[in-house]
Protein backbone atom coordinates (compact mmCIF):
# COMPACT_ATOMS: atom_id res chain seq x y z
CA MET A 1 -28.23 16.90 -4.38
CA SER A 2 -24.87 16.21 -6.01
CA VAL A 3 -21.61 15.16 -4.28
CA LYS A 4 -18.17 15.29 -5.94
CA ILE A 5 -15.42 12.86 -4.87
CA PHE A 6 -11.74 12.72 -5.85
CA ILE A 7 -10.32 9.17 -5.57
CA ALA A 8 -6.58 8.43 -5.67
CA GLY A 9 -4.39 5.59 -4.49
CA ASP A 10 -1.04 3.85 -4.33
CA LEU A 11 0.85 7.14 -4.10
CA HIS A 12 4.16 5.89 -2.59
CA ILE A 13 5.43 9.43 -1.99
CA PRO A 14 8.42 9.96 -1.66
CA SER A 15 9.77 6.40 -1.85
CA ARG A 16 8.67 5.61 -5.45
CA ALA A 17 7.30 8.94 -6.73
CA ALA A 18 7.71 12.64 -5.99
CA MET A 19 4.10 13.80 -6.37
CA LEU A 20 0.75 13.16 -8.02
CA HIS A 21 1.05 12.99 -11.79
CA PRO A 22 0.93 16.65 -12.97
CA HIS A 23 -2.32 16.06 -14.91
CA PHE A 24 -3.93 14.79 -11.69
CA GLU A 25 -2.50 17.60 -9.58
CA ASP A 26 -4.25 20.07 -11.89
CA ILE A 27 -7.55 18.16 -11.59
CA LEU A 28 -7.25 18.01 -7.80
CA LEU A 29 -6.71 21.76 -7.51
CA GLN A 30 -9.17 23.01 -10.14
CA GLN A 31 -12.29 22.62 -8.00
CA GLN A 32 -13.53 22.12 -4.45
CA TRP A 33 -14.18 18.43 -3.74
CA ASP A 34 -16.86 17.38 -1.29
CA TYR A 35 -14.76 14.33 -0.35
CA ILE A 36 -11.28 13.05 -1.10
CA VAL A 37 -10.74 9.28 -0.81
CA LEU A 38 -7.22 7.82 -0.68
CA THR A 39 -6.92 4.05 -0.93
CA GLY A 40 -3.61 3.80 0.90
CA ASP A 41 0.15 3.70 0.48
CA LEU A 42 0.63 7.42 0.98
CA THR A 43 3.66 6.31 3.10
CA ILE A 44 4.46 9.36 5.26
CA PRO A 45 2.41 11.87 7.30
CA SER A 46 3.36 14.92 5.21
CA VAL A 47 1.50 13.44 2.21
CA LEU A 48 -1.61 13.04 4.35
CA HIS A 49 -1.27 16.60 5.70
CA ARG A 50 -1.21 17.99 2.17
CA PHE A 51 -4.62 16.43 1.40
CA GLU A 52 -6.04 17.53 4.78
CA LYS A 53 -5.67 21.13 3.61
CA LEU A 54 -7.86 20.46 0.55
CA VAL A 55 -11.09 19.42 2.31
CA SER A 56 -13.51 21.55 4.30
CA SER A 57 -13.50 19.16 7.27
CA PRO A 58 -11.30 16.28 8.47
CA LYS A 59 -14.35 14.01 8.14
CA LYS A 60 -14.31 14.64 4.37
CA LEU A 61 -10.87 13.04 3.91
CA ILE A 62 -11.26 9.26 3.87
CA VAL A 63 -7.98 7.34 4.01
CA ALA A 64 -7.41 3.58 4.26
CA LYS A 65 -4.13 2.32 5.72
CA GLY A 66 -1.92 0.70 3.11
CA ASN A 67 0.79 -1.85 3.79
CA MET A 68 3.49 0.80 3.21
CA ASP A 69 1.96 3.54 5.37
CA GLN A 70 4.12 4.67 8.28
CA MET A 71 1.32 6.27 10.28
CA THR A 72 -1.79 5.33 12.19
CA LEU A 73 -4.75 5.12 9.83
CA PRO A 74 -7.95 3.05 9.85
CA LEU A 75 -7.84 -0.20 7.89
CA LYS A 76 -11.43 0.01 6.66
CA PRO A 77 -12.92 3.48 7.09
CA THR A 78 -16.58 3.95 6.18
CA PHE A 79 -18.70 7.04 5.66
CA GLU A 80 -22.24 7.88 4.69
CA ILE A 81 -23.61 10.36 2.19
CA ASN A 82 -27.38 10.78 2.09
CA SER A 83 -27.98 7.21 3.43
CA LEU A 84 -25.50 5.69 0.94
CA ARG A 85 -22.69 3.81 2.72
CA LEU A 86 -19.22 3.97 1.22
CA GLY A 87 -15.88 2.64 2.41
CA ALA A 88 -12.21 2.32 1.61
CA TYR A 89 -9.89 -0.66 2.01
CA HIS A 90 -6.35 -0.85 0.65
CA GLY A 91 -6.56 -4.53 -0.26
CA THR A 92 -3.40 -5.82 1.41
CA ASP A 93 -4.95 -9.17 2.38
CA ILE A 94 -6.53 -9.83 -1.04
CA ASN A 95 -4.70 -12.55 -2.97
CA PRO A 96 -4.52 -12.40 -5.90
CA ARG A 97 -4.47 -8.61 -5.76
CA GLY A 98 -7.74 -7.01 -6.87
CA ASP A 99 -9.80 -10.22 -6.73
CA ILE A 100 -13.42 -9.08 -7.12
CA LEU A 101 -15.02 -11.97 -5.20
CA GLN A 102 -12.87 -11.33 -2.13
CA LEU A 103 -13.43 -7.57 -2.37
CA LYS A 104 -17.20 -8.14 -2.54
CA ILE A 105 -16.92 -10.10 0.73
CA VAL A 106 -15.01 -7.19 2.29
CA ALA A 107 -17.68 -4.74 1.06
CA GLU A 108 -20.38 -6.97 2.55
CA GLU A 109 -18.54 -7.18 5.90
CA MET A 110 -18.13 -3.39 5.92
CA GLY A 111 -21.80 -2.90 5.02
CA VAL A 112 -21.00 -0.63 2.07
CA LYS A 113 -22.54 -0.27 -1.38
CA ILE A 114 -19.42 1.42 -2.79
CA LEU A 115 -15.91 0.20 -1.94
CA PHE A 116 -12.77 2.08 -2.95
CA THR A 117 -9.68 -0.13 -3.03
CA GLY A 118 -6.04 -0.13 -4.11
CA HIS A 119 -2.86 -2.20 -3.68
CA SER A 120 -2.74 -3.60 -7.23
CA HIS A 121 -1.66 -0.34 -8.94
CA LYS A 122 -4.16 -1.38 -11.64
CA THR A 123 -7.42 0.42 -12.31
CA PHE A 124 -10.72 -1.39 -12.38
CA ILE A 125 -14.39 -0.56 -12.10
CA HIS A 126 -16.81 -3.29 -11.08
CA SER A 127 -20.54 -2.80 -10.73
CA ASP A 128 -23.28 -5.33 -10.03
CA ASN A 129 -26.62 -5.28 -8.18
CA GLU A 130 -24.97 -5.43 -4.74
CA HIS A 131 -21.74 -3.42 -4.96
CA ILE A 132 -19.67 -0.93 -6.86
CA ILE A 133 -15.94 -1.56 -6.42
CA LEU A 134 -13.48 1.04 -7.70
CA ASN A 135 -9.69 0.96 -7.86
CA PRO A 136 -8.11 4.21 -9.09
CA GLY A 137 -4.74 2.60 -9.91
CA THR A 138 -1.62 4.54 -8.96
CA SER A 139 -2.12 8.29 -9.12
CA THR A 140 1.61 8.95 -9.22
CA GLY A 141 2.72 6.23 -11.64
CA ALA A 142 4.59 4.44 -8.84
CA SER A 143 5.75 0.90 -9.53
CA GLY A 144 3.93 -1.94 -7.82
CA GLY A 145 5.51 -4.34 -5.35
CA THR A 146 4.88 -7.43 -7.48
CA SER A 147 4.61 -5.95 -10.96
CA TRP A 148 6.22 -3.17 -12.94
CA SER A 149 3.08 -2.87 -15.07
CA VAL A 150 0.87 -0.15 -13.56
CA ASP A 151 -2.04 2.09 -14.52
CA THR A 152 -1.28 5.75 -13.91
CA ALA A 153 -4.84 6.79 -13.24
CA LEU A 154 -7.43 8.15 -10.86
CA ILE A 155 -11.19 8.37 -10.64
CA THR A 156 -13.46 11.33 -10.03
CA MET A 157 -17.05 10.65 -9.11
CA GLU A 158 -20.22 12.66 -8.91
CA ILE A 159 -23.18 11.15 -7.12
CA ASN A 160 -26.45 12.74 -8.16
CA PHE A 161 -28.97 11.65 -5.57
CA ASP A 162 -31.87 13.39 -7.34
CA LYS A 163 -31.36 11.15 -10.39
CA SER A 164 -29.95 8.11 -8.51
CA VAL A 165 -26.89 7.95 -10.76
CA ILE A 166 -23.15 7.94 -10.31
CA SER A 167 -21.06 9.60 -12.99
CA LEU A 168 -17.43 8.50 -13.09
CA ASN A 169 -14.51 10.04 -14.90
CA TRP A 170 -11.80 7.42 -15.30
CA LEU A 171 -8.68 9.47 -15.99
CA LYS A 172 -5.65 7.62 -17.35
CA VAL A 173 -2.24 8.74 -18.58
CA ASN A 174 -1.27 6.73 -21.65
CA ASN A 175 2.28 5.61 -22.49
CA LYS A 176 2.84 8.87 -24.42
CA GLY A 177 1.96 10.97 -21.35
CA LYS A 178 -1.40 12.08 -22.75
CA LEU A 179 -4.45 12.26 -20.48
CA GLU A 180 -7.37 10.08 -21.56
CA ILE A 181 -10.81 10.37 -19.97
CA GLU A 182 -13.51 7.71 -20.06
CA LYS A 183 -16.94 8.69 -18.77
CA ILE A 184 -19.07 6.00 -17.13
CA THR A 185 -22.57 6.23 -15.65
CA ILE A 186 -23.82 3.71 -13.08
CA ASN A 187 -27.38 3.60 -11.72
CA LEU A 188 -27.70 3.42 -7.96
């Protein structure tokens, strides 16, 4: 059994960006995703409604409330795929932003193996024996609240339960506007 997940965050539409980066828009629309995970800061309901149309069921759209979101969303949504617990948390209360030790505590409190996070506008992938913590960066290129240095990026994930592996595509737009893809495999 294989499950495909599209992970984006820190969108800030329309306040800091007009849309997903065009490279990412193409990736989003080129296939059917089993789940879409958004790590927060969509900002307005129309952005959420656009993603709702791209999943087969409302339960397949996982969205964490960001500090800039002007709508009611869960702070720490969790979901389960084939007995694997996953969750999303924007990261608003993590200081400094993206601190792995604090995010591991959040993952532990949520009871998840995989935690999707945001808020820093910087991409990172952390994996150890207990947790996998993924931050897709900003999928629109929006500036961050405390830093103008951002990673225009997103992550796509395929979980292959038959082989107990996670395959990640870390998609980044470099400073020349070219799409770069790094492939990473993590054992479950």
